[in-house]
Amino acid sequence: MKTIPVAVQLYTLREEAEKDFEGTLRKVADLGFEGVEFAGLGDYTPGDMKKLLDELGLKAVSSHIPLEQIKNNLNQMIEVQKTLGSKYIVCPYFEPKNEKDYYELITILKKAGEMCSLEGIKLCYHNHDFELEKLSNGQTALETIFAETSPQELNTELDIYWLKKAGEDPVEWLKRYEGRTPLLHLKDMTKDDEQFFAELGTGGVDVDAVLALGEEAQIKWWIVEQDVSRKTAFESLEISMNYLKSRLPHLDK
């Protein structure tokens, strides 16, 4: 079985990183994570961050970059990824006011994805639940985004919590975009009506079924994220990592 490495989305640790970015990354490495997905570099230059990651044995997997930066400052963002050693830029959030906005987004993503591809970087799109609403074409907004773009222009970073929140089956989406989902956000959801963010293996998302499809779907990185926790962020990540260690043998070494 192919070994798929595990990273953490550092938005999970935003408060900790703001106080002590280096100490936060050291704890991430100590927990057994193999890489990180950035949501900003704090006060670090890309070069200094790369040195720190190398020291800790961590890989820069990808960066969540706001759409405005993708639209207006893409060349610089690409150079940052090259310095970090990251191969992916992710559009993390887009909230439309109307259907027309989605088509304007698609135009931006097509152009940006083409530019990224020429530089050896892949552009991905990270979903929430509202992209699962149907458009006038009978498809969901998320389906439309990927139907209107090529794999060379845009890949997916499916988020299984938000798919489940929208009443969808993450496994079906993973099968649908097999080979087009290099990055996947692993999240769980409480089983009650609140549907709150939960540590992996403690909620109602069939994470095991998703993990079982990793090789077939050609996943390159599993990325753990917990937007909000009722424990400390590190306590939650430790629970999630212990769950993954029980499922992914390479982690428990």
Protein backbone atom coordinates (compact mmCIF):
# COMPACT_ATOMS: atom_id res chain seq x y z
CA MET A 1 0.00 0.00 0.00
CA LYS A 2 1.30 3.44 -0.93
CA THR A 3 2.21 5.63 2.02
CA ILE A 4 0.33 8.94 1.97
CA PRO A 5 1.87 11.51 4.32
CA VAL A 6 -0.11 13.62 6.79
CA ALA A 7 0.02 17.38 7.26
CA VAL A 8 -1.81 19.90 9.42
CA GLN A 9 -3.52 23.06 8.22
CA LEU A 10 -1.97 25.71 10.44
CA TYR A 11 -5.23 27.67 10.63
CA THR A 12 -6.06 25.10 13.32
CA LEU A 13 -3.17 26.53 15.35
CA ARG A 14 -3.61 30.19 14.41
CA GLU A 15 -3.67 31.44 18.00
CA GLU A 16 -0.69 29.34 19.03
CA ALA A 17 1.32 30.36 15.97
CA GLU A 18 0.61 34.04 16.55
CA LYS A 19 2.21 33.74 19.99
CA ASP A 20 5.09 31.41 19.06
CA PHE A 21 5.32 30.22 15.45
CA GLU A 22 8.55 28.28 15.89
CA GLY A 23 7.38 26.57 19.08
CA THR A 24 4.11 25.68 17.39
CA LEU A 25 5.90 24.03 14.47
CA ARG A 26 8.14 22.11 16.87
CA LYS A 27 5.06 20.68 18.59
CA VAL A 28 3.53 19.82 15.22
CA ALA A 29 6.65 17.82 14.36
CA ASP A 30 6.66 16.17 17.80
CA LEU A 31 3.08 14.98 17.27
CA GLY A 32 4.20 13.11 14.17
CA PHE A 33 2.93 15.36 11.39
CA GLU A 34 5.04 15.21 8.26
CA GLY A 35 4.06 18.51 6.71
CA VAL A 36 2.16 21.74 7.08
CA GLU A 37 -0.32 23.69 5.02
CA PHE A 38 0.16 27.40 5.56
CA ALA A 39 -2.41 30.10 6.14
CA GLY A 40 0.22 32.84 6.28
CA LEU A 41 3.85 32.90 7.41
CA GLY A 42 3.57 35.28 10.33
CA ASP A 43 6.71 37.42 10.57
CA TYR A 44 8.88 34.89 8.73
CA THR A 45 10.38 35.35 5.30
CA PRO A 46 9.86 32.37 2.99
CA GLY A 47 13.59 31.62 3.16
CA ASP A 48 13.72 31.63 6.95
CA MET A 49 10.60 29.50 7.12
CA LYS A 50 12.14 26.96 4.76
CA LYS A 51 15.22 26.72 7.00
CA LEU A 52 13.04 26.13 10.05
CA LEU A 53 10.98 23.47 8.28
CA ASP A 54 14.15 21.70 7.15
CA GLU A 55 15.48 21.76 10.71
CA LEU A 56 12.26 20.18 11.99
CA GLY A 57 11.93 17.64 9.19
CA LEU A 58 8.64 19.14 7.99
CA LYS A 59 7.50 19.67 4.39
CA ALA A 60 5.65 22.73 3.12
CA VAL A 61 2.70 21.04 1.41
CA SER A 62 0.62 23.98 0.26
CA SER A 63 -0.57 27.45 1.11
CA HIS A 64 -4.08 28.83 1.46
CA ILE A 65 -3.91 32.14 -0.37
CA PRO A 66 -6.84 34.59 -0.49
CA LEU A 67 -8.51 35.02 -3.86
CA GLU A 68 -7.47 38.68 -4.05
CA GLN A 69 -3.81 37.65 -3.81
CA ILE A 70 -4.34 34.94 -6.43
CA LYS A 71 -5.97 37.50 -8.68
CA ASN A 72 -3.57 40.41 -8.18
CA ASN A 73 -0.29 39.07 -6.81
CA LEU A 74 0.07 35.57 -8.20
CA ASN A 75 3.65 35.80 -9.47
CA GLN A 76 4.93 36.67 -6.01
CA MET A 77 2.83 33.93 -4.42
CA ILE A 78 4.31 31.39 -6.85
CA GLU A 79 7.83 32.49 -5.93
CA VAL A 80 6.99 32.07 -2.24
CA GLN A 81 5.87 28.49 -2.88
CA LYS A 82 9.05 27.74 -4.79
CA THR A 83 11.16 29.03 -1.89
CA LEU A 84 9.15 26.98 0.62
CA GLY A 85 9.33 23.87 -1.56
CA SER A 86 5.53 23.74 -1.84
CA LYS A 87 3.83 22.52 -5.00
CA TYR A 88 0.28 23.70 -4.30
CA ILE A 89 -1.59 26.97 -3.99
CA VAL A 90 -5.13 26.67 -2.63
CA CYS A 91 -7.99 29.12 -3.03
CA PRO A 92 -9.44 28.70 0.47
CA TYR A 93 -12.69 30.63 0.48
CA PHE A 94 -15.09 32.34 -1.87
CA GLU A 95 -18.56 33.47 -0.90
CA PRO A 96 -20.63 34.59 -3.87
CA LYS A 97 -23.48 37.05 -3.85
CA ASN A 98 -25.10 35.51 -6.90
CA GLU A 99 -24.60 32.87 -9.59
CA LYS A 100 -22.74 35.28 -11.86
CA ASP A 101 -20.01 35.53 -9.23
CA TYR A 102 -19.19 31.85 -9.67
CA TYR A 103 -18.54 32.32 -13.37
CA GLU A 104 -16.32 35.29 -12.65
CA LEU A 105 -14.47 33.09 -10.14
CA ILE A 106 -14.02 30.39 -12.78
CA THR A 107 -12.46 32.91 -15.16
CA ILE A 108 -9.99 33.99 -12.48
CA LEU A 109 -9.14 30.40 -11.54
CA LYS A 110 -8.60 29.32 -15.14
CA LYS A 111 -6.12 32.11 -15.77
CA ALA A 112 -4.35 31.61 -12.43
CA GLY A 113 -4.23 27.85 -12.84
CA GLU A 114 -2.62 28.17 -16.24
CA MET A 115 0.03 30.50 -14.81
CA CYS A 116 0.68 28.14 -11.89
CA SER A 117 0.98 25.14 -14.19
CA LEU A 118 3.65 26.84 -16.27
CA GLU A 119 5.69 27.29 -13.07
CA GLY A 120 5.26 23.72 -11.82
CA ILE A 121 2.64 24.65 -9.23
CA LYS A 122 -0.88 23.22 -9.00
CA LEU A 123 -3.85 25.41 -8.11
CA CYS A 124 -6.55 23.80 -5.95
CA TYR A 125 -9.98 24.89 -4.74
CA HIS A 126 -11.12 24.24 -1.16
CA ASN A 127 -14.87 23.90 -0.65
CA HIS A 128 -17.29 24.76 2.12
CA ASP A 129 -20.93 23.69 2.24
CA PHE A 130 -22.51 26.53 0.26
CA GLU A 131 -20.83 25.43 -3.01
CA LEU A 132 -23.05 22.36 -2.84
CA GLU A 133 -26.12 24.43 -3.66
CA LYS A 134 -27.55 23.88 -7.14
CA LEU A 135 -27.15 26.47 -9.88
CA SER A 136 -29.55 27.09 -12.75
CA ASN A 137 -27.67 24.51 -14.85
CA GLY A 138 -28.83 21.77 -12.46
CA GLN A 139 -25.31 21.16 -11.15
CA THR A 140 -23.90 22.22 -7.83
CA ALA A 141 -21.62 25.23 -7.87
CA LEU A 142 -18.69 22.96 -6.97
CA GLU A 143 -19.40 20.61 -9.86
CA THR A 144 -19.66 23.59 -12.17
CA ILE A 145 -16.31 24.99 -11.05
CA PHE A 146 -14.59 21.74 -11.95
CA ALA A 147 -16.63 21.12 -15.10
CA GLU A 148 -15.61 24.52 -16.45
CA THR A 149 -11.91 24.01 -15.71
CA SER A 150 -9.40 21.37 -16.75
CA PRO A 151 -7.24 19.30 -14.39
CA GLN A 152 -4.26 21.26 -15.72
CA GLU A 153 -5.91 24.49 -14.56
CA LEU A 154 -7.57 23.46 -11.30
CA ASN A 155 -7.56 20.58 -8.84
CA THR A 156 -9.67 19.93 -5.76
CA GLU A 157 -8.92 20.12 -2.09
CA LEU A 158 -12.08 18.41 -0.93
CA ASP A 159 -13.09 19.07 2.67
CA ILE A 160 -14.99 16.07 3.98
CA TYR A 161 -16.59 17.92 6.91
CA TRP A 162 -18.21 20.51 4.65
CA LEU A 163 -19.33 17.85 2.18
CA LYS A 164 -21.00 15.95 5.01
CA LYS A 165 -22.49 19.19 6.37
CA ALA A 166 -24.13 19.75 2.99
CA GLY A 167 -25.65 16.25 3.07
CA GLU A 168 -23.17 14.78 0.60
CA ASP A 169 -21.13 11.57 0.75
CA PRO A 170 -17.40 12.42 0.80
CA VAL A 171 -16.54 9.00 -0.63
CA GLU A 172 -18.66 9.61 -3.72
CA TRP A 173 -16.98 12.96 -4.28
CA LEU A 174 -13.56 11.43 -3.88
CA LYS A 175 -14.44 8.80 -6.49
CA ARG A 176 -15.85 11.45 -8.80
CA TYR A 177 -12.63 13.44 -8.76
CA GLU A 178 -10.24 10.51 -8.65
CA GLY A 179 -6.85 11.74 -9.82
CA ARG A 180 -7.89 15.36 -9.41
CA THR A 181 -7.74 15.52 -5.59
CA PRO A 182 -4.07 15.71 -4.60
CA LEU A 183 -4.96 17.31 -1.25
CA LEU A 184 -7.80 16.35 1.07
CA HIS A 185 -8.94 17.94 4.32
CA LEU A 186 -9.65 15.35 6.99
CA LYS A 187 -12.26 16.55 9.49
CA ASP A 188 -14.95 14.96 11.60
CA MET A 189 -18.35 16.17 12.79
CA THR A 190 -20.24 15.64 16.03
CA LYS A 191 -23.21 13.31 15.72
CA ASP A 192 -25.68 15.68 17.37
CA ASP A 193 -27.82 18.35 15.73
CA GLU A 194 -25.13 20.98 16.23
CA GLN A 195 -22.80 19.22 13.79
CA PHE A 196 -19.78 20.83 15.42
CA PHE A 197 -16.16 20.23 14.42
CA ALA A 198 -14.85 17.03 16.00
CA GLU A 199 -11.57 15.19 16.40
CA LEU A 200 -11.00 12.43 13.84
CA GLY A 201 -12.65 9.16 14.75
CA THR A 202 -14.99 10.71 17.32
CA GLY A 203 -17.80 11.89 15.06
CA GLY A 204 -20.14 10.84 12.29
CA VAL A 205 -17.99 11.24 9.19
CA ASP A 206 -16.83 7.91 7.77
CA VAL A 207 -13.16 8.84 7.84
CA ASP A 208 -12.10 5.19 7.54
CA ALA A 209 -13.87 4.90 4.19
CA VAL A 210 -12.11 8.02 2.95
CA LEU A 211 -8.69 6.76 4.08
CA ALA A 212 -9.33 3.45 2.33
CA LEU A 213 -9.68 5.29 -1.00
CA GLY A 214 -6.49 7.30 -0.70
CA GLU A 215 -4.28 5.31 -3.06
CA GLU A 216 -7.01 4.71 -5.63
CA ALA A 217 -7.95 8.41 -5.62
CA GLN A 218 -4.26 9.37 -5.98
CA ILE A 219 -4.22 11.51 -2.85
CA LYS A 220 -0.79 13.06 -2.30
CA TRP A 221 -1.38 14.48 1.19
CA TRP A 222 -3.92 14.03 3.95
CA ILE A 223 -4.36 17.37 5.72
CA VAL A 224 -5.89 17.55 9.20
CA GLU A 225 -7.82 20.68 10.06
CA GLN A 226 -10.14 21.49 12.92
CA ASP A 227 -11.58 24.97 12.48
CA VAL A 228 -12.70 25.29 16.10
CA SER A 229 -12.17 23.03 19.10
CA ARG A 230 -13.67 22.84 22.57
CA LYS A 231 -10.34 21.51 23.79
CA THR A 232 -7.04 23.21 23.17
CA ALA A 233 -6.02 22.97 19.53
CA PHE A 234 -3.07 20.74 20.38
CA GLU A 235 -5.24 18.40 22.46
CA SER A 236 -7.58 18.02 19.50
CA LEU A 237 -4.73 17.44 17.07
CA GLU A 238 -3.22 14.79 19.34
CA ILE A 239 -6.53 12.89 19.41
CA SER A 240 -6.79 13.11 15.62
CA MET A 241 -3.18 12.05 15.14
CA ASN A 242 -3.58 9.07 17.49
CA TYR A 243 -6.57 7.99 15.40
CA LEU A 244 -4.52 8.28 12.21
CA LYS A 245 -1.63 6.37 13.77
CA SER A 246 -4.04 3.50 14.41
CA ARG A 247 -5.02 3.53 10.71
CA LEU A 248 -1.81 4.54 8.93
CA PRO A 249 1.03 2.26 10.01
CA HIS A 250 3.83 4.48 8.74
CA LEU A 251 2.92 7.15 11.31
CA ASP A 252 3.32 4.88 14.31
CA LYS A 253 7.04 4.30 14.04
